[in-house]
């Protein structure tokens, strides 16, 4: 699903099954006291990440959560990891091609009571009411996923926390896209001033998957990359 949502410069690996993997000592330390479910989830996400890095021609490397939970990647690489019940995935790209990437997957189920009100802004709640029963999509959970992707794309370039109410997300239900306007000072990276993002989403097989990828200004368009890469919201 993810490969449909990102430009061709981004390599995606996803799985619906847990895969055995030998963790690096640094990774083992992260889940040393975790329950089996968490260890399997963590390990399979690293299996996805290492598989994706291998497709970039890079060797295995420890991928350890940093201060805000963002994965550590090789210096030349940007990437993102997501996992939910029955789904694990990683997306990576060379930094020279893609400035940042953020992915998220969620079950296509309503959010627990009170969560939607906590993560949404008035404008987003109005849009939720307008979307109503359109299709078989849980729009509240989709909004949550989009904001997770926004944060995962934002933090590696801004190195600043972004709360749920610091971005207004607009969902396009007809084209499988979304936009996020940030209510904080822009980040500057690779010659771009990033004050928002555009992304894509899909609902399939009981899952909601969202993705953002901001192409480098110097990235050569390949296979329709301009159609899926976030250029418009990251102006020069």
C-alpha atoms as a PDB file:
ATOM      1  CA  UNK A   1       0.000   0.000   0.000  1.00  0.00           C
ATOM      2  CA  UNK A   2       2.743   2.456   0.904  1.00  0.00           C
ATOM      3  CA  UNK A   3       4.417   2.344  -2.485  1.00  0.00           C
ATOM      4  CA  UNK A   4       1.205   3.788  -3.941  1.00  0.00           C
ATOM      5  CA  UNK A   5       1.505   6.805  -1.652  1.00  0.00           C
ATOM      6  CA  UNK A   6       5.116   7.940  -2.039  1.00  0.00           C
ATOM      7  CA  UNK A   7       7.418   8.990  -4.893  1.00  0.00           C
ATOM      8  CA  UNK A   8       9.659   6.381  -6.464  1.00  0.00           C
ATOM      9  CA  UNK A   9      12.706   7.728  -4.608  1.00  0.00           C
ATOM     10  CA  UNK A  10      11.251   6.219  -1.411  1.00  0.00           C
ATOM     11  CA  UNK A  11      11.752   2.493  -0.774  1.00  0.00           C
ATOM     12  CA  UNK A  12       8.971   0.838   1.235  1.00  0.00           C
ATOM     13  CA  UNK A  13       8.804  -2.579   2.876  1.00  0.00           C
ATOM     14  CA  UNK A  14       5.657  -3.734   4.653  1.00  0.00           C
ATOM     15  CA  UNK A  15       4.439  -6.994   6.116  1.00  0.00           C
ATOM     16  CA  UNK A  16       1.397  -8.445   7.831  1.00  0.00           C
ATOM     17  CA  UNK A  17       3.400 -11.178   9.589  1.00  0.00           C
ATOM     18  CA  UNK A  18       6.074 -11.097  12.265  1.00  0.00           C
ATOM     19  CA  UNK A  19       9.575 -11.967  11.080  1.00  0.00           C
ATOM     20  CA  UNK A  20      12.393 -13.324  13.245  1.00  0.00           C
ATOM     21  CA  UNK A  21      15.468 -11.108  13.319  1.00  0.00           C
ATOM     22  CA  UNK A  22      18.697 -10.899  15.296  1.00  0.00           C
ATOM     23  CA  UNK A  23      18.747  -7.499  16.938  1.00  0.00           C
ATOM     24  CA  UNK A  24      21.880  -5.460  17.502  1.00  0.00           C
ATOM     25  CA  UNK A  25      22.846  -5.107  21.200  1.00  0.00           C
ATOM     26  CA  UNK A  26      21.671  -1.465  21.172  1.00  0.00           C
ATOM     27  CA  UNK A  27      18.268  -2.587  19.909  1.00  0.00           C
ATOM     28  CA  UNK A  28      18.066  -5.466  22.360  1.00  0.00           C
ATOM     29  CA  UNK A  29      18.542  -2.993  25.200  1.00  0.00           C
ATOM     30  CA  UNK A  30      15.462  -1.036  24.070  1.00  0.00           C
ATOM     31  CA  UNK A  31      13.113  -4.022  24.450  1.00  0.00           C
ATOM     32  CA  UNK A  32      14.982  -5.940  27.161  1.00  0.00           C
ATOM     33  CA  UNK A  33      12.118  -5.652  29.624  1.00  0.00           C
ATOM     34  CA  UNK A  34       9.267  -5.629  27.110  1.00  0.00           C
ATOM     35  CA  UNK A  35       6.536  -8.227  26.733  1.00  0.00           C
ATOM     36  CA  UNK A  36       6.726 -10.697  23.843  1.00  0.00           C
ATOM     37  CA  UNK A  37       4.186  -8.783  21.747  1.00  0.00           C
ATOM     38  CA  UNK A  38       6.263  -5.609  21.946  1.00  0.00           C
ATOM     39  CA  UNK A  39       9.499  -7.469  21.132  1.00  0.00           C
ATOM     40  CA  UNK A  40       7.950  -9.054  18.043  1.00  0.00           C
ATOM     41  CA  UNK A  41       6.519  -5.725  16.923  1.00  0.00           C
ATOM     42  CA  UNK A  42       9.840  -3.960  17.447  1.00  0.00           C
ATOM     43  CA  UNK A  43      11.855  -6.711  15.761  1.00  0.00           C
ATOM     44  CA  UNK A  44       9.599  -6.972  12.708  1.00  0.00           C
ATOM     45  CA  UNK A  45       9.692  -3.204  12.240  1.00  0.00           C
ATOM     46  CA  UNK A  46      13.509  -3.483  12.191  1.00  0.00           C
ATOM     47  CA  UNK A  47      13.231  -6.340   9.703  1.00  0.00           C
ATOM     48  CA  UNK A  48      11.247  -3.985   7.439  1.00  0.00           C
ATOM     49  CA  UNK A  49      13.747  -1.190   7.927  1.00  0.00           C
ATOM     50  CA  UNK A  50      16.789  -3.370   7.214  1.00  0.00           C
ATOM     51  CA  UNK A  51      15.088  -4.838   4.151  1.00  0.00           C
ATOM     52  CA  UNK A  52      14.403  -1.334   2.871  1.00  0.00           C
ATOM     53  CA  UNK A  53      17.983  -0.206   3.544  1.00  0.00           C
ATOM     54  CA  UNK A  54      19.275  -3.263   1.702  1.00  0.00           C
ATOM     55  CA  UNK A  55      17.236  -2.222  -1.332  1.00  0.00           C
ATOM     56  CA  UNK A  56      19.071   1.112  -1.153  1.00  0.00           C
ATOM     57  CA  UNK A  57      22.335  -0.833  -1.224  1.00  0.00           C
ATOM     58  CA  UNK A  58      23.165  -0.193   2.441  1.00  0.00           C
ATOM     59  CA  UNK A  59      24.288  -2.721   5.094  1.00  0.00           C
ATOM     60  CA  UNK A  60      22.327  -3.549   8.271  1.00  0.00           C
ATOM     61  CA  UNK A  61      22.659  -0.983  11.042  1.00  0.00           C
ATOM     62  CA  UNK A  62      21.133  -0.501  14.508  1.00  0.00           C
ATOM     63  CA  UNK A  63      17.890   1.460  14.347  1.00  0.00           C
ATOM     64  CA  UNK A  64      17.285   2.737  17.854  1.00  0.00           C
ATOM     65  CA  UNK A  65      14.514   5.114  18.968  1.00  0.00           C
ATOM     66  CA  UNK A  66      15.819   8.577  19.791  1.00  0.00           C
ATOM     67  CA  UNK A  67      14.632  11.154  22.326  1.00  0.00           C
ATOM     68  CA  UNK A  68      11.212  11.699  20.721  1.00  0.00           C
ATOM     69  CA  UNK A  69      10.836   8.145  19.454  1.00  0.00           C
ATOM     70  CA  UNK A  70      12.168   8.885  15.959  1.00  0.00           C
ATOM     71  CA  UNK A  71      14.328   6.070  14.540  1.00  0.00           C
ATOM     72  CA  UNK A  72      18.061   6.575  14.078  1.00  0.00           C
ATOM     73  CA  UNK A  73      19.079   6.195  10.440  1.00  0.00           C
ATOM     74  CA  UNK A  74      22.434   6.210   8.630  1.00  0.00           C
ATOM     75  CA  UNK A  75      23.572   9.807   7.979  1.00  0.00           C
ATOM     76  CA  UNK A  76      22.738   9.689   4.268  1.00  0.00           C
ATOM     77  CA  UNK A  77      19.217   8.347   4.850  1.00  0.00           C
ATOM     78  CA  UNK A  78      15.818   9.632   5.935  1.00  0.00           C
ATOM     79  CA  UNK A  79      13.084   7.250   6.962  1.00  0.00           C
ATOM     80  CA  UNK A  80      10.023   6.405   8.999  1.00  0.00           C
ATOM     81  CA  UNK A  81       8.597   3.323  10.713  1.00  0.00           C
ATOM     82  CA  UNK A  82       5.037   2.395  11.628  1.00  0.00           C
ATOM     83  CA  UNK A  83       3.343  -0.582  13.218  1.00  0.00           C
ATOM     84  CA  UNK A  84      -0.134  -1.479  14.339  1.00  0.00           C
ATOM     85  CA  UNK A  85      -1.997  -4.721  14.892  1.00  0.00           C
ATOM     86  CA  UNK A  86      -1.267  -6.953  11.894  1.00  0.00           C
ATOM     87  CA  UNK A  87       0.861  -4.457   9.980  1.00  0.00           C
ATOM     88  CA  UNK A  88       4.495  -3.282  10.142  1.00  0.00           C
ATOM     89  CA  UNK A  89       6.274  -1.071   7.627  1.00  0.00           C
ATOM     90  CA  UNK A  90       9.306   1.103   6.966  1.00  0.00           C
ATOM     91  CA  UNK A  91      10.016   3.744   4.332  1.00  0.00           C
ATOM     92  CA  UNK A  92      13.526   5.018   3.569  1.00  0.00           C
ATOM     93  CA  UNK A  93      15.205   7.245   0.988  1.00  0.00           C
ATOM     94  CA  UNK A  94      18.505   8.941   0.352  1.00  0.00           C
ATOM     95  CA  UNK A  95      18.646  12.398   1.893  1.00  0.00           C
ATOM     96  CA  UNK A  96      19.860  13.860  -1.406  1.00  0.00           C
ATOM     97  CA  UNK A  97      16.525  12.849  -2.961  1.00  0.00           C
ATOM     98  CA  UNK A  98      14.038  13.234  -0.115  1.00  0.00           C
ATOM     99  CA  UNK A  99      14.237  15.749   2.725  1.00  0.00           C
ATOM    100  CA  UNK A 100      11.886  13.937   5.062  1.00  0.00           C
ATOM    101  CA  UNK A 101       9.325  11.139   5.128  1.00  0.00           C
ATOM    102  CA  UNK A 102       6.573  10.228   7.572  1.00  0.00           C
ATOM    103  CA  UNK A 103       4.309   7.168   7.484  1.00  0.00           C
ATOM    104  CA  UNK A 104       1.595   5.826   9.757  1.00  0.00           C
ATOM    105  CA  UNK A 105      -0.836   2.901   9.789  1.00  0.00           C
ATOM    106  CA  UNK A 106      -3.912   2.489  11.969  1.00  0.00           C
ATOM    107  CA  UNK A 107      -6.821   0.063  12.164  1.00  0.00           C
ATOM    108  CA  UNK A 108      -9.872   1.347  10.323  1.00  0.00           C
ATOM    109  CA  UNK A 109     -11.826   1.628  13.554  1.00  0.00           C
ATOM    110  CA  UNK A 110     -13.253   4.589  15.493  1.00  0.00           C
ATOM    111  CA  UNK A 111     -10.980   6.254  18.026  1.00  0.00           C
ATOM    112  CA  UNK A 112     -11.691   5.581  21.716  1.00  0.00           C
ATOM    113  CA  UNK A 113     -14.114   7.990  23.337  1.00  0.00           C
ATOM    114  CA  UNK A 114     -12.719  11.469  23.922  1.00  0.00           C
ATOM    115  CA  UNK A 115      -9.603  11.026  21.777  1.00  0.00           C
ATOM    116  CA  UNK A 116     -10.984  12.705  18.666  1.00  0.00           C
ATOM    117  CA  UNK A 117     -11.902  15.827  20.641  1.00  0.00           C
ATOM    118  CA  UNK A 118      -8.396  15.886  22.138  1.00  0.00           C
ATOM    119  CA  UNK A 119      -6.516  15.640  18.822  1.00  0.00           C
ATOM    120  CA  UNK A 120      -8.750  17.765  16.570  1.00  0.00           C
ATOM    121  CA  UNK A 121      -9.336  21.471  16.018  1.00  0.00           C
ATOM    122  CA  UNK A 122     -12.783  23.062  15.499  1.00  0.00           C
ATOM    123  CA  UNK A 123     -12.281  23.294  11.728  1.00  0.00           C
ATOM    124  CA  UNK A 124     -11.371  19.601  11.601  1.00  0.00           C
ATOM    125  CA  UNK A 125     -14.421  18.651  13.640  1.00  0.00           C
ATOM    126  CA  UNK A 126     -16.618  20.571  11.191  1.00  0.00           C
ATOM    127  CA  UNK A 127     -15.040  18.683   8.300  1.00  0.00           C
ATOM    128  CA  UNK A 128     -15.598  15.408  10.148  1.00  0.00           C
ATOM    129  CA  UNK A 129     -19.297  16.204  10.384  1.00  0.00           C
ATOM    130  CA  UNK A 130     -19.412  17.010   6.657  1.00  0.00           C
ATOM    131  CA  UNK A 131     -17.689  13.744   5.743  1.00  0.00           C
ATOM    132  CA  UNK A 132     -20.205  11.889   7.878  1.00  0.00           C
ATOM    133  CA  UNK A 133     -20.814   8.390   6.580  1.00  0.00           C
ATOM    134  CA  UNK A 134     -19.000   8.882   3.252  1.00  0.00           C
ATOM    135  CA  UNK A 135     -17.521   5.499   2.359  1.00  0.00           C
ATOM    136  CA  UNK A 136     -16.317   2.917   4.842  1.00  0.00           C
ATOM    137  CA  UNK A 137     -13.620   5.102   6.397  1.00  0.00           C
ATOM    138  CA  UNK A 138     -13.366   5.987  10.074  1.00  0.00           C
ATOM    139  CA  UNK A 139     -12.527   9.636   9.474  1.00  0.00           C
ATOM    140  CA  UNK A 140     -11.577  10.342  13.072  1.00  0.00           C
ATOM    141  CA  UNK A 141      -8.938   7.589  13.046  1.00  0.00           C
ATOM    142  CA  UNK A 142      -7.746   8.722   9.631  1.00  0.00           C
ATOM    143  CA  UNK A 143      -7.204  12.251  10.968  1.00  0.00           C
ATOM    144  CA  UNK A 144      -5.192  10.791  13.838  1.00  0.00           C
ATOM    145  CA  UNK A 145      -3.027   8.838  11.382  1.00  0.00           C
ATOM    146  CA  UNK A 146      -2.447  11.903   9.234  1.00  0.00           C
ATOM    147  CA  UNK A 147      -1.315  13.916  12.231  1.00  0.00           C
ATOM    148  CA  UNK A 148       1.051  11.102  13.197  1.00  0.00           C
ATOM    149  CA  UNK A 149       2.564  11.212   9.700  1.00  0.00           C
ATOM    150  CA  UNK A 150       2.839  14.995   9.944  1.00  0.00           C
ATOM    151  CA  UNK A 151       4.764  14.738  13.207  1.00  0.00           C
ATOM    152  CA  UNK A 152       7.059  12.019  11.863  1.00  0.00           C
ATOM    153  CA  UNK A 153       7.870  14.173   8.831  1.00  0.00           C
ATOM    154  CA  UNK A 154       8.218  17.366  10.886  1.00  0.00           C
ATOM    155  CA  UNK A 155      10.420  16.422  13.804  1.00  0.00           C
ATOM    156  CA  UNK A 156      13.504  15.207  11.877  1.00  0.00           C
ATOM    157  CA  UNK A 157      13.741  18.531   9.988  1.00  0.00           C
ATOM    158  CA  UNK A 158      12.615  20.938  12.732  1.00  0.00           C
ATOM    159  CA  UNK A 159      13.807  19.110  15.870  1.00  0.00           C
ATOM    160  CA  UNK A 160      10.821  20.618  17.644  1.00  0.00           C
ATOM    161  CA  UNK A 161       7.836  18.930  19.259  1.00  0.00           C
ATOM    162  CA  UNK A 162       4.543  19.374  17.415  1.00  0.00           C
ATOM    163  CA  UNK A 163       1.330  18.908  19.346  1.00  0.00           C
ATOM    164  CA  UNK A 164      -1.863  17.651  17.705  1.00  0.00           C
ATOM    165  CA  UNK A 165      -3.368  21.150  17.791  1.00  0.00           C
ATOM    166  CA  UNK A 166      -0.327  22.657  16.029  1.00  0.00           C
ATOM    167  CA  UNK A 167      -1.488  21.470  12.604  1.00  0.00           C
ATOM    168  CA  UNK A 168      -4.801  21.801  10.788  1.00  0.00           C
ATOM    169  CA  UNK A 169      -5.373  18.870   8.442  1.00  0.00           C
ATOM    170  CA  UNK A 170      -7.770  18.920   5.504  1.00  0.00           C
ATOM    171  CA  UNK A 171      -8.839  15.568   4.045  1.00  0.00           C
ATOM    172  CA  UNK A 172      -9.664  15.166   0.368  1.00  0.00           C
ATOM    173  CA  UNK A 173     -11.913  12.089   0.293  1.00  0.00           C
ATOM    174  CA  UNK A 174     -12.124  11.969  -3.501  1.00  0.00           C
ATOM    175  CA  UNK A 175      -8.440  11.954  -4.418  1.00  0.00           C
ATOM    176  CA  UNK A 176      -6.861  10.202  -1.436  1.00  0.00           C
ATOM    177  CA  UNK A 177      -4.813  13.231  -0.429  1.00  0.00           C
ATOM    178  CA  UNK A 178      -4.526  15.562   2.538  1.00  0.00           C
ATOM    179  CA  UNK A 179      -2.895  18.852   3.432  1.00  0.00           C
ATOM    180  CA  UNK A 180      -1.517  20.011   6.774  1.00  0.00           C
ATOM    181  CA  UNK A 181      -1.062  23.674   7.687  1.00  0.00           C
ATOM    182  CA  UNK A 182       1.360  24.124  10.585  1.00  0.00           C
ATOM    183  CA  UNK A 183       0.667  26.692  13.316  1.00  0.00           C
ATOM    184  CA  UNK A 184       4.299  27.155  14.306  1.00  0.00           C
ATOM    185  CA  UNK A 185       7.363  28.827  12.876  1.00  0.00           C
ATOM    186  CA  UNK A 186       8.504  27.102   9.674  1.00  0.00           C
ATOM    187  CA  UNK A 187      11.494  24.808   9.433  1.00  0.00           C
ATOM    188  CA  UNK A 188      14.218  25.404   6.879  1.00  0.00           C
ATOM    189  CA  UNK A 189      16.000  22.472   5.273  1.00  0.00           C
ATOM    190  CA  UNK A 190      17.631  21.876   1.921  1.00  0.00           C
ATOM    191  CA  UNK A 191      16.767  25.350   0.679  1.00  0.00           C
ATOM    192  CA  UNK A 192      13.079  24.922   1.517  1.00  0.00           C
ATOM    193  CA  UNK A 193      10.890  26.730   4.006  1.00  0.00           C
ATOM    194  CA  UNK A 194       8.519  24.077   5.356  1.00  0.00           C
ATOM    195  CA  UNK A 195       5.277  25.522   6.730  1.00  0.00           C
ATOM    196  CA  UNK A 196       3.034  22.588   5.865  1.00  0.00           C
ATOM    197  CA  UNK A 197       2.824  19.262   4.125  1.00  0.00           C
ATOM    198  CA  UNK A 198       0.831  17.449   1.515  1.00  0.00           C
ATOM    199  CA  UNK A 199       0.313  13.710   1.776  1.00  0.00           C
ATOM    200  CA  UNK A 200      -1.633  10.740   0.515  1.00  0.00           C
ATOM    201  CA  UNK A 201      -3.790   8.102   2.166  1.00  0.00           C
ATOM    202  CA  UNK A 202      -5.470   4.793   1.456  1.00  0.00           C
ATOM    203  CA  UNK A 203      -8.076   2.665   3.254  1.00  0.00           C
ATOM    204  CA  UNK A 204      -7.827  -1.032   2.524  1.00  0.00           C
ATOM    205  CA  UNK A 205      -7.927  -4.449   4.195  1.00  0.00           C
ATOM    206  CA  UNK A 206      -9.110  -2.987   7.500  1.00  0.00           C
ATOM    207  CA  UNK A 207      -6.247  -0.483   7.616  1.00  0.00           C
ATOM    208  CA  UNK A 208      -5.748   3.244   7.187  1.00  0.00           C
ATOM    209  CA  UNK A 209      -2.310   4.149   5.838  1.00  0.00           C
ATOM    210  CA  UNK A 210      -0.996   7.696   5.437  1.00  0.00           C
ATOM    211  CA  UNK A 211       2.292   9.012   4.071  1.00  0.00           C
ATOM    212  CA  UNK A 212       4.233  12.223   3.501  1.00  0.00           C
ATOM    213  CA  UNK A 213       7.435  12.553   1.479  1.00  0.00           C
ATOM    214  CA  UNK A 214       9.078  15.912   0.773  1.00  0.00           C
ATOM    215  CA  UNK A 215      11.287  15.766  -2.286  1.00  0.00           C
ATOM    216  CA  UNK A 216      14.606  17.575  -2.360  1.00  0.00           C
ATOM    217  CA  UNK A 217      14.645  20.549  -4.753  1.00  0.00           C
ATOM    218  CA  UNK A 218      17.428  18.750  -6.648  1.00  0.00           C
ATOM    219  CA  UNK A 219      15.632  15.400  -6.893  1.00  0.00           C
ATOM    220  CA  UNK A 220      15.054  14.350 -10.481  1.00  0.00           C
ATOM    221  CA  UNK A 221      11.370  13.447 -11.038  1.00  0.00           C
ATOM    222  CA  UNK A 222      10.967   9.718 -11.704  1.00  0.00           C
ATOM    223  CA  UNK A 223       7.836   7.693 -12.411  1.00  0.00           C
ATOM    224  CA  UNK A 224       5.414  10.469 -11.538  1.00  0.00           C
ATOM    225  CA  UNK A 225       7.324  11.559  -8.448  1.00  0.00           C
ATOM    226  CA  UNK A 226       5.939  15.082  -8.668  1.00  0.00           C
ATOM    227  CA  UNK A 227       2.427  13.686  -8.323  1.00  0.00           C
ATOM    228  CA  UNK A 228       3.172  12.046  -4.984  1.00  0.00           C
ATOM    229  CA  UNK A 229       6.053  14.043  -3.565  1.00  0.00           C
ATOM    230  CA  UNK A 230       5.207  16.986  -1.314  1.00  0.00           C
ATOM    231  CA  UNK A 231       6.517  20.039  -3.133  1.00  0.00           C
ATOM    232  CA  UNK A 232       3.597  22.493  -3.000  1.00  0.00           C
ATOM    233  CA  UNK A 233       3.452  22.814   0.787  1.00  0.00           C
ATOM    234  CA  UNK A 234       7.209  23.144   1.103  1.00  0.00           C
ATOM    235  CA  UNK A 235       7.916  26.253  -0.926  1.00  0.00           C
ATOM    236  CA  UNK A 236      11.319  27.798  -1.484  1.00  0.00           C
END
